Structure formats: C-alpha cells, structure tokens
Amino acid sequence: MSVLLLGGTAEARALADVLVGQGIDVVSSLAGALASVRLPPGQVRVGGFGGADGLADYLRERLIESVIDATHPFAARISAHAALACAATSTPLLRLERPSWAERPDASGWCWVDDLAAARTAAGERGRRIFLAVGRQGLAELADWTDRTIVARVVEPPAVALPTNWQLVAARGPFSVAEERALFAGHRVEVLVAKDSGGPTTAKLDAAAELGVAVVMVRRPPAPDGVAAVASVAEAQQWLAQTRRSR
C-alpha cells in the first residue's frame, strides 16, 4: 500500500513511525518551511506540488492509494488542494487534526478572532506588552506593529526585518508551565496572542491563566467540506486499515 502523508507536525511524524514499522510504503511531504525540521522515517519529499492539479498528477504518477493530511491546522491551502486532488482522482483522503484548544474550560474567557489583523486590534486594546506565539510566517503580517512592546517567540528567525522595539525569543518547545510562567513574568507580558494550533502543548495557556495574562486566540480556518477527520494517530491507523480492506 502506498500512502502520501502530508506532514510537518508531531502527529505526522508519529504516524509515519507506525506505518513504516508496519512495512507500509509511506511518502511524507513537507513544505520545507523550517531548515532544522526533524525528518520522519520513510521516503520524504520537500516542497509544493504545483497546486491541486499538480498534486493530482503526483497521485496518479506515484499510484498513491490513500492520502492522510496531517498538516498544521492553519495550513489551509494544502488541505484545500488535497481535497480537490483526491476528489479528482478518487483517492481516499483523511484529515488528522489535533483537538482544538476551544475545548479547554477557560477558552470561553479568551478573545477569539478570525485573523491576525483582528488579533492585533484586540491585543492592543487589552495591554501594551504583547507576547506573540503565532509562528515565524505570521510575524510578517505584524512587522509594522510599533506602538506596543512586542515579544515574539519563533523556532527560527523570520525572513522579514522586525522593528527595533521587538524582542525575539528563539526557542523550540515543548516548554513547561514553570518556564512559560518565568518568561511571561520576566517580560511583564500583559497579552498572549496565539493561533488555535491545539494539542497537548498548553503550557503557555496554563501560565497565562495563572498570571492573569489576557489571551487573544486566532480561530482555525474552516476545513474542506466532506473530508473525514480524526484526532489521533490510532484513529488514523484504523481508518487506513479499513480503507485498505475495502479496496
């Protein structure tokens, strides 16, 4: 069985580990956004496909039997392309997406917004010292924000020039609640801006709750219509086994 795994997340790497261990032919596709990313086992390709049509051509040429989209919840473009390409080629498609942080008990007290522009407005209304946890690519949209003190955390430095009043924290998680609490307290953070990436890495949210830091959360983009979705690697394995039996 040949599986295309659209990856770049911890869940995608964990699923690749399992499937390769079962002897399944897996091709993990990575966007290539981070130079230091840890590669999953099995075959790996880096870069885009050339839109939905290019991805459909790839599925036909490589005789891909199933596609699992385990990309980041905010990687809306590749998810849309996968839905179109799989529909065009009649290839089974599953979305593996970690649970939303909206399920947390304190999520109702956050300010939920639809994009980074709205997050900037909302955060500016709630404080003057802002902590950005929106990823290096998201910083480009906010790089002209100069009327607040900004602390931005990234795995790798962004390609854009940042204002001189920004402080950049280069670090790779996971982080403990104690580490996040110390970071927020040290920078006197008043507002946390984050994207609803979801999953178990909630230390920054726990620390914000403990310290009374306001939270501005960017909602996930809507998923493509009609695509089956699961929230765990085990569920993805079950779906793949069922799909294999039915073909």
C-alpha atoms as a PDB file:
ATOM      1  CA  MET A   1       0.000   0.000   0.000  1.00  0.00           C
ATOM      2  CA  SER A   2       1.338   3.430  -0.950  1.00  0.00           C
ATOM      3  CA  VAL A   3       0.356   6.322   1.337  1.00  0.00           C
ATOM      4  CA  LEU A   4       1.034  10.019   0.878  1.00  0.00           C
ATOM      5  CA  LEU A   5       1.341  11.669   4.286  1.00  0.00           C
ATOM      6  CA  LEU A   6       1.111  15.459   4.187  1.00  0.00           C
ATOM      7  CA  GLY A   7       3.134  16.260   7.258  1.00  0.00           C
ATOM      8  CA  GLY A   8       5.256  18.681   9.205  1.00  0.00           C
ATOM      9  CA  THR A   9       3.559  18.073  12.560  1.00  0.00           C
ATOM     10  CA  ALA A  10       4.407  15.844  15.512  1.00  0.00           C
ATOM     11  CA  GLU A  11       1.326  13.754  14.729  1.00  0.00           C
ATOM     12  CA  ALA A  12       2.533  13.208  11.165  1.00  0.00           C
ATOM     13  CA  ARG A  13       5.951  12.023  12.374  1.00  0.00           C
ATOM     14  CA  ALA A  14       4.347   9.677  14.907  1.00  0.00           C
ATOM     15  CA  LEU A  15       2.065   8.230  12.245  1.00  0.00           C
ATOM     16  CA  ALA A  16       4.982   7.792   9.832  1.00  0.00           C
ATOM     17  CA  ASP A  17       6.864   5.891  12.554  1.00  0.00           C
ATOM     18  CA  VAL A  18       3.962   3.478  12.969  1.00  0.00           C
ATOM     19  CA  LEU A  19       3.220   2.953   9.282  1.00  0.00           C
ATOM     20  CA  VAL A  20       6.841   2.458   8.254  1.00  0.00           C
ATOM     21  CA  GLY A  21       7.193  -0.014  11.120  1.00  0.00           C
ATOM     22  CA  GLN A  22       4.274  -1.938   9.626  1.00  0.00           C
ATOM     23  CA  GLY A  23       6.038  -2.123   6.283  1.00  0.00           C
ATOM     24  CA  ILE A  24       3.721   0.335   4.540  1.00  0.00           C
ATOM     25  CA  ASP A  25       5.206   2.425   1.733  1.00  0.00           C
ATOM     26  CA  VAL A  26       4.924   5.988   3.084  1.00  0.00           C
ATOM     27  CA  VAL A  27       5.911   9.227   1.386  1.00  0.00           C
ATOM     28  CA  SER A  28       5.967  12.154   3.813  1.00  0.00           C
ATOM     29  CA  SER A  29       5.564  15.525   2.124  1.00  0.00           C
ATOM     30  CA  LEU A  30       6.980  18.572   3.918  1.00  0.00           C
ATOM     31  CA  ALA A  31       6.525  22.202   2.958  1.00  0.00           C
ATOM     32  CA  GLY A  32      10.156  22.938   3.766  1.00  0.00           C
ATOM     33  CA  ALA A  33       9.367  25.989   5.905  1.00  0.00           C
ATOM     34  CA  LEU A  34      11.942  25.163   8.610  1.00  0.00           C
ATOM     35  CA  ALA A  35      15.557  24.318   7.867  1.00  0.00           C
ATOM     36  CA  SER A  36      16.017  22.398  11.133  1.00  0.00           C
ATOM     37  CA  VAL A  37      12.919  20.204  10.948  1.00  0.00           C
ATOM     38  CA  ARG A  38      13.334  16.602  12.130  1.00  0.00           C
ATOM     39  CA  LEU A  39      12.664  14.291   9.212  1.00  0.00           C
ATOM     40  CA  PRO A  40      10.222  11.396   9.582  1.00  0.00           C
ATOM     41  CA  PRO A  41      11.125   7.815   8.600  1.00  0.00           C
ATOM     42  CA  GLY A  42      10.382   6.519   5.125  1.00  0.00           C
ATOM     43  CA  GLN A  43      10.510   8.491   1.907  1.00  0.00           C
ATOM     44  CA  VAL A  44      10.478  12.277   2.227  1.00  0.00           C
ATOM     45  CA  ARG A  45       9.739  14.949  -0.359  1.00  0.00           C
ATOM     46  CA  VAL A  46      10.092  18.670   0.270  1.00  0.00           C
ATOM     47  CA  GLY A  47       8.253  21.477  -1.480  1.00  0.00           C
ATOM     48  CA  GLY A  48       4.931  22.124  -3.147  1.00  0.00           C
ATOM     49  CA  PHE A  49       3.131  20.132  -5.823  1.00  0.00           C
ATOM     50  CA  GLY A  50       2.053  22.970  -8.053  1.00  0.00           C
ATOM     51  CA  GLY A  51      -1.479  23.369  -6.777  1.00  0.00           C
ATOM     52  CA  ALA A  52      -4.335  20.888  -6.763  1.00  0.00           C
ATOM     53  CA  ASP A  53      -3.715  19.843 -10.376  1.00  0.00           C
ATOM     54  CA  GLY A  54      -0.043  19.140  -9.674  1.00  0.00           C
ATOM     55  CA  LEU A  55      -0.954  17.105  -6.619  1.00  0.00           C
ATOM     56  CA  ALA A  56      -3.497  15.108  -8.643  1.00  0.00           C
ATOM     57  CA  ASP A  57      -0.806  14.356 -11.223  1.00  0.00           C
ATOM     58  CA  TYR A  58       1.519  13.216  -8.439  1.00  0.00           C
ATOM     59  CA  LEU A  59      -1.136  10.862  -7.030  1.00  0.00           C
ATOM     60  CA  ARG A  60      -1.627   9.278 -10.439  1.00  0.00           C
ATOM     61  CA  GLU A  61       2.072   9.006 -11.283  1.00  0.00           C
ATOM     62  CA  ARG A  62       3.048   7.509  -7.932  1.00  0.00           C
ATOM     63  CA  LEU A  63      -0.022   5.233  -7.751  1.00  0.00           C
ATOM     64  CA  ILE A  64      -0.893   6.639  -4.332  1.00  0.00           C
ATOM     65  CA  GLU A  65      -3.703   4.615  -2.763  1.00  0.00           C
ATOM     66  CA  SER A  66      -4.521   6.859   0.207  1.00  0.00           C
ATOM     67  CA  VAL A  67      -3.708  10.364   1.429  1.00  0.00           C
ATOM     68  CA  ILE A  68      -3.555  11.457   5.052  1.00  0.00           C
ATOM     69  CA  ASP A  69      -3.468  15.210   5.594  1.00  0.00           C
ATOM     70  CA  ALA A  70      -1.690  15.733   8.909  1.00  0.00           C
ATOM     71  CA  THR A  71      -0.543  19.276   8.207  1.00  0.00           C
ATOM     72  CA  HIS A  72      -0.814  22.142  10.687  1.00  0.00           C
ATOM     73  CA  PRO A  73      -4.382  23.302  11.388  1.00  0.00           C
ATOM     74  CA  PHE A  74      -3.534  26.637   9.722  1.00  0.00           C
ATOM     75  CA  ALA A  75      -2.077  25.110   6.540  1.00  0.00           C
ATOM     76  CA  ALA A  76      -5.388  25.752   4.800  1.00  0.00           C
ATOM     77  CA  ARG A  77      -4.038  25.939   1.247  1.00  0.00           C
ATOM     78  CA  ILE A  78      -2.503  22.468   1.076  1.00  0.00           C
ATOM     79  CA  SER A  79      -5.576  20.994   2.801  1.00  0.00           C
ATOM     80  CA  ALA A  80      -7.817  22.559   0.156  1.00  0.00           C
ATOM     81  CA  HIS A  81      -5.545  21.306  -2.621  1.00  0.00           C
ATOM     82  CA  ALA A  82      -5.571  17.802  -1.131  1.00  0.00           C
ATOM     83  CA  ALA A  83      -9.370  17.745  -1.059  1.00  0.00           C
ATOM     84  CA  LEU A  84      -9.600  18.805  -4.708  1.00  0.00           C
ATOM     85  CA  ALA A  85      -6.858  16.454  -5.898  1.00  0.00           C
ATOM     86  CA  CYS A  86      -8.261  13.441  -4.068  1.00  0.00           C
ATOM     87  CA  ALA A  87     -11.755  14.144  -5.387  1.00  0.00           C
ATOM     88  CA  ALA A  88     -10.378  14.368  -8.925  1.00  0.00           C
ATOM     89  CA  THR A  89      -8.515  11.063  -8.624  1.00  0.00           C
ATOM     90  CA  SER A  90     -10.987   9.183  -6.384  1.00  0.00           C
ATOM     91  CA  THR A  91      -8.239   8.773  -3.787  1.00  0.00           C
ATOM     92  CA  PRO A  92      -9.376   8.227  -0.167  1.00  0.00           C
ATOM     93  CA  LEU A  93      -8.466  11.222   1.996  1.00  0.00           C
ATOM     94  CA  LEU A  94      -8.336  11.577   5.781  1.00  0.00           C
ATOM     95  CA  ARG A  95      -7.645  14.672   7.846  1.00  0.00           C
ATOM     96  CA  LEU A  96      -5.612  14.025  11.034  1.00  0.00           C
ATOM     97  CA  GLU A  97      -6.002  17.146  13.145  1.00  0.00           C
ATOM     98  CA  ARG A  98      -5.194  17.640  16.816  1.00  0.00           C
ATOM     99  CA  PRO A  99      -8.098  18.750  19.046  1.00  0.00           C
ATOM    100  CA  SER A 100      -8.819  22.474  19.293  1.00  0.00           C
ATOM    101  CA  TRP A 101      -7.980  24.464  22.410  1.00  0.00           C
ATOM    102  CA  ALA A 102     -11.578  25.672  22.312  1.00  0.00           C
ATOM    103  CA  GLU A 103     -12.324  22.578  24.397  1.00  0.00           C
ATOM    104  CA  ARG A 104     -10.413  23.997  27.382  1.00  0.00           C
ATOM    105  CA  PRO A 105     -12.596  25.158  30.290  1.00  0.00           C
ATOM    106  CA  ASP A 106     -11.042  28.649  30.217  1.00  0.00           C
ATOM    107  CA  ALA A 107     -11.379  29.124  26.433  1.00  0.00           C
ATOM    108  CA  SER A 108     -14.698  30.939  26.807  1.00  0.00           C
ATOM    109  CA  GLY A 109     -12.856  33.737  28.599  1.00  0.00           C
ATOM    110  CA  TRP A 110     -10.461  34.362  25.709  1.00  0.00           C
ATOM    111  CA  CYS A 111     -10.950  36.847  22.927  1.00  0.00           C
ATOM    112  CA  TRP A 112     -11.490  34.784  19.764  1.00  0.00           C
ATOM    113  CA  VAL A 113     -10.723  36.425  16.405  1.00  0.00           C
ATOM    114  CA  ASP A 114     -10.645  35.303  12.784  1.00  0.00           C
ATOM    115  CA  ASP A 115      -7.224  36.539  11.667  1.00  0.00           C
ATOM    116  CA  LEU A 116      -4.016  38.234  12.743  1.00  0.00           C
ATOM    117  CA  ALA A 117      -5.241  41.706  11.821  1.00  0.00           C
ATOM    118  CA  ALA A 118      -8.141  41.317  14.228  1.00  0.00           C
ATOM    119  CA  ALA A 119      -5.771  39.795  16.806  1.00  0.00           C
ATOM    120  CA  ARG A 120      -3.588  42.894  16.632  1.00  0.00           C
ATOM    121  CA  THR A 121      -6.542  45.178  17.281  1.00  0.00           C
ATOM    122  CA  ALA A 122      -7.869  43.059  20.129  1.00  0.00           C
ATOM    123  CA  ALA A 123      -4.472  42.657  21.786  1.00  0.00           C
ATOM    124  CA  GLY A 124      -3.759  46.381  21.518  1.00  0.00           C
ATOM    125  CA  GLU A 125      -6.992  47.086  23.366  1.00  0.00           C
ATOM    126  CA  ARG A 126      -6.010  44.749  26.204  1.00  0.00           C
ATOM    127  CA  GLY A 127      -2.441  45.759  27.012  1.00  0.00           C
ATOM    128  CA  ARG A 128       0.816  47.327  25.963  1.00  0.00           C
ATOM    129  CA  ARG A 129       3.158  44.367  26.421  1.00  0.00           C
ATOM    130  CA  ILE A 130       2.300  41.632  23.924  1.00  0.00           C
ATOM    131  CA  PHE A 131       3.659  38.100  23.579  1.00  0.00           C
ATOM    132  CA  LEU A 132       3.292  36.658  20.070  1.00  0.00           C
ATOM    133  CA  ALA A 133       3.183  32.885  19.631  1.00  0.00           C
ATOM    134  CA  VAL A 134       1.949  32.863  16.028  1.00  0.00           C
ATOM    135  CA  GLY A 135       4.877  31.276  14.155  1.00  0.00           C
ATOM    136  CA  ARG A 136       7.597  32.907  12.078  1.00  0.00           C
ATOM    137  CA  GLN A 137       5.435  33.288   8.984  1.00  0.00           C
ATOM    138  CA  GLY A 138       2.716  35.057  10.926  1.00  0.00           C
ATOM    139  CA  LEU A 139       5.151  37.727  12.077  1.00  0.00           C
ATOM    140  CA  ALA A 140       5.338  39.200   8.572  1.00  0.00           C
ATOM    141  CA  GLU A 141       1.725  40.381   8.902  1.00  0.00           C
ATOM    142  CA  LEU A 142       2.520  42.166  12.165  1.00  0.00           C
ATOM    143  CA  ALA A 143       6.008  43.504  11.432  1.00  0.00           C
ATOM    144  CA  ASP A 144       4.847  47.140  11.305  1.00  0.00           C
ATOM    145  CA  TRP A 145       3.409  46.996  14.838  1.00  0.00           C
ATOM    146  CA  THR A 146       5.459  49.618  16.661  1.00  0.00           C
ATOM    147  CA  ASP A 147       3.129  51.179  19.235  1.00  0.00           C
ATOM    148  CA  ARG A 148       3.378  48.250  21.644  1.00  0.00           C
ATOM    149  CA  THR A 149       6.216  46.336  23.287  1.00  0.00           C
ATOM    150  CA  ILE A 150       6.335  43.023  21.419  1.00  0.00           C
ATOM    151  CA  VAL A 151       7.987  39.778  22.477  1.00  0.00           C
ATOM    152  CA  ALA A 152       7.848  37.187  19.694  1.00  0.00           C
ATOM    153  CA  ARG A 153       8.886  33.548  20.008  1.00  0.00           C
ATOM    154  CA  VAL A 154       9.977  31.544  16.972  1.00  0.00           C
ATOM    155  CA  VAL A 155      11.835  28.322  16.249  1.00  0.00           C
ATOM    156  CA  GLU A 156      13.888  30.044  13.545  1.00  0.00           C
ATOM    157  CA  PRO A 157      14.313  33.790  12.885  1.00  0.00           C
ATOM    158  CA  PRO A 158      11.801  35.229  10.391  1.00  0.00           C
ATOM    159  CA  ALA A 159      12.853  36.377   6.943  1.00  0.00           C
ATOM    160  CA  VAL A 160      11.378  39.857   7.463  1.00  0.00           C
ATOM    161  CA  ALA A 161      13.054  42.696   9.343  1.00  0.00           C
ATOM    162  CA  LEU A 162      11.430  43.361  12.709  1.00  0.00           C
ATOM    163  CA  PRO A 163      11.043  46.723  14.483  1.00  0.00           C
ATOM    164  CA  THR A 164      13.772  47.674  16.916  1.00  0.00           C
ATOM    165  CA  ASN A 165      11.353  47.677  19.846  1.00  0.00           C
ATOM    166  CA  TRP A 166      10.590  43.979  19.339  1.00  0.00           C
ATOM    167  CA  GLN A 167      12.328  41.277  21.358  1.00  0.00           C
ATOM    168  CA  LEU A 168      12.814  37.965  19.575  1.00  0.00           C
ATOM    169  CA  VAL A 169      12.958  34.735  21.592  1.00  0.00           C
ATOM    170  CA  ALA A 170      14.357  31.843  19.526  1.00  0.00           C
ATOM    171  CA  ALA A 171      13.444  28.561  21.216  1.00  0.00           C
ATOM    172  CA  ARG A 172      11.957  25.178  20.386  1.00  0.00           C
ATOM    173  CA  GLY A 173       9.374  23.603  22.656  1.00  0.00           C
ATOM    174  CA  PRO A 174       7.873  21.819  24.358  1.00  0.00           C
ATOM    175  CA  PHE A 175       8.049  24.174  27.341  1.00  0.00           C
ATOM    176  CA  SER A 176       6.982  23.589  30.922  1.00  0.00           C
ATOM    177  CA  VAL A 177       4.441  25.736  32.711  1.00  0.00           C
ATOM    178  CA  ALA A 178       7.216  26.961  35.021  1.00  0.00           C
ATOM    179  CA  GLU A 179       9.309  28.051  32.013  1.00  0.00           C
ATOM    180  CA  GLU A 180       6.384  29.868  30.433  1.00  0.00           C
ATOM    181  CA  ARG A 181       5.439  31.500  33.722  1.00  0.00           C
ATOM    182  CA  ALA A 182       9.007  32.764  34.184  1.00  0.00           C
ATOM    183  CA  LEU A 183       9.138  34.030  30.596  1.00  0.00           C
ATOM    184  CA  PHE A 184       5.864  35.940  30.908  1.00  0.00           C
ATOM    185  CA  ALA A 185       6.788  37.371  34.289  1.00  0.00           C
ATOM    186  CA  GLY A 186      10.271  38.359  33.130  1.00  0.00           C
ATOM    187  CA  HIS A 187       8.913  40.286  30.158  1.00  0.00           C
ATOM    188  CA  ARG A 188       5.897  41.599  32.119  1.00  0.00           C
ATOM    189  CA  VAL A 189       3.588  40.211  29.446  1.00  0.00           C
ATOM    190  CA  GLU A 190       0.017  41.520  29.551  1.00  0.00           C
ATOM    191  CA  VAL A 191      -1.467  39.816  26.473  1.00  0.00           C
ATOM    192  CA  LEU A 192      -0.754  36.488  24.784  1.00  0.00           C
ATOM    193  CA  VAL A 193      -1.594  36.233  21.077  1.00  0.00           C
ATOM    194  CA  ALA A 194      -1.704  32.686  19.722  1.00  0.00           C
ATOM    195  CA  LYS A 195      -3.227  30.593  16.972  1.00  0.00           C
ATOM    196  CA  ASP A 196      -5.519  27.716  17.869  1.00  0.00           C
ATOM    197  CA  SER A 197      -2.948  25.075  16.952  1.00  0.00           C
ATOM    198  CA  GLY A 198      -4.416  22.735  19.548  1.00  0.00           C
ATOM    199  CA  GLY A 199      -2.916  19.609  21.021  1.00  0.00           C
ATOM    200  CA  PRO A 200      -1.220  18.877  24.320  1.00  0.00           C
ATOM    201  CA  THR A 201       1.337  21.727  24.312  1.00  0.00           C
ATOM    202  CA  THR A 202      -0.726  24.023  26.520  1.00  0.00           C
ATOM    203  CA  ALA A 203       1.931  25.326  28.926  1.00  0.00           C
ATOM    204  CA  LYS A 204       1.690  28.919  27.674  1.00  0.00           C
ATOM    205  CA  LEU A 205      -2.083  28.870  28.151  1.00  0.00           C
ATOM    206  CA  ASP A 206      -1.757  27.426  31.650  1.00  0.00           C
ATOM    207  CA  ALA A 207       0.830  30.059  32.556  1.00  0.00           C
ATOM    208  CA  ALA A 208      -1.347  32.837  31.147  1.00  0.00           C
ATOM    209  CA  ALA A 209      -4.267  31.616  33.256  1.00  0.00           C
ATOM    210  CA  GLU A 210      -2.123  31.535  36.403  1.00  0.00           C
ATOM    211  CA  LEU A 211      -0.728  35.043  35.855  1.00  0.00           C
ATOM    212  CA  GLY A 212      -3.922  36.676  34.651  1.00  0.00           C
ATOM    213  CA  VAL A 213      -2.499  37.344  31.176  1.00  0.00           C
ATOM    214  CA  ALA A 214      -5.217  38.115  28.633  1.00  0.00           C
ATOM    215  CA  VAL A 215      -5.442  35.658  25.717  1.00  0.00           C
ATOM    216  CA  VAL A 216      -6.276  36.587  22.127  1.00  0.00           C
ATOM    217  CA  MET A 217      -6.777  33.413  20.094  1.00  0.00           C
ATOM    218  CA  VAL A 218      -6.982  33.174  16.297  1.00  0.00           C
ATOM    219  CA  ARG A 219      -9.598  30.664  15.165  1.00  0.00           C
ATOM    220  CA  ARG A 220      -8.665  27.885  12.777  1.00  0.00           C
ATOM    221  CA  PRO A 221      -9.612  28.292   9.131  1.00  0.00           C
ATOM    222  CA  PRO A 222     -12.548  26.103   8.110  1.00  0.00           C
ATOM    223  CA  ALA A 223     -11.695  22.592   6.934  1.00  0.00           C
ATOM    224  CA  PRO A 224     -12.622  21.496   3.398  1.00  0.00           C
ATOM    225  CA  ASP A 225     -16.150  20.137   3.143  1.00  0.00           C
ATOM    226  CA  GLY A 226     -16.725  16.408   3.031  1.00  0.00           C
ATOM    227  CA  VAL A 227     -13.314  15.278   4.305  1.00  0.00           C
ATOM    228  CA  ALA A 228     -13.325  12.638   7.049  1.00  0.00           C
ATOM    229  CA  ALA A 229     -11.359  13.712  10.110  1.00  0.00           C
ATOM    230  CA  VAL A 230      -9.847  12.072  13.182  1.00  0.00           C
ATOM    231  CA  ALA A 231      -7.951  13.455  16.161  1.00  0.00           C
ATOM    232  CA  SER A 232      -5.390  10.752  16.935  1.00  0.00           C
ATOM    233  CA  VAL A 233      -2.724   8.603  15.336  1.00  0.00           C
ATOM    234  CA  ALA A 234      -4.553   5.453  16.479  1.00  0.00           C
ATOM    235  CA  GLU A 235      -7.736   6.567  14.705  1.00  0.00           C
ATOM    236  CA  ALA A 236      -5.749   7.300  11.555  1.00  0.00           C
ATOM    237  CA  GLN A 237      -4.312   3.774  11.674  1.00  0.00           C
ATOM    238  CA  GLN A 238      -7.807   2.319  11.983  1.00  0.00           C
ATOM    239  CA  TRP A 239      -9.074   4.378   9.037  1.00  0.00           C
ATOM    240  CA  LEU A 240      -6.152   3.274   6.897  1.00  0.00           C
ATOM    241  CA  ALA A 241      -6.715  -0.387   7.765  1.00  0.00           C
ATOM    242  CA  GLN A 242     -10.403  -0.114   6.911  1.00  0.00           C
ATOM    243  CA  THR A 243      -9.622   1.678   3.660  1.00  0.00           C
ATOM    244  CA  ARG A 244      -7.132  -1.000   2.734  1.00  0.00           C
ATOM    245  CA  ARG A 245      -9.656  -3.787   3.355  1.00  0.00           C
ATOM    246  CA  SER A 246     -12.292  -2.069   1.235  1.00  0.00           C
ATOM    247  CA  ARG A 247     -10.101  -1.631  -1.849  1.00  0.00           C
END
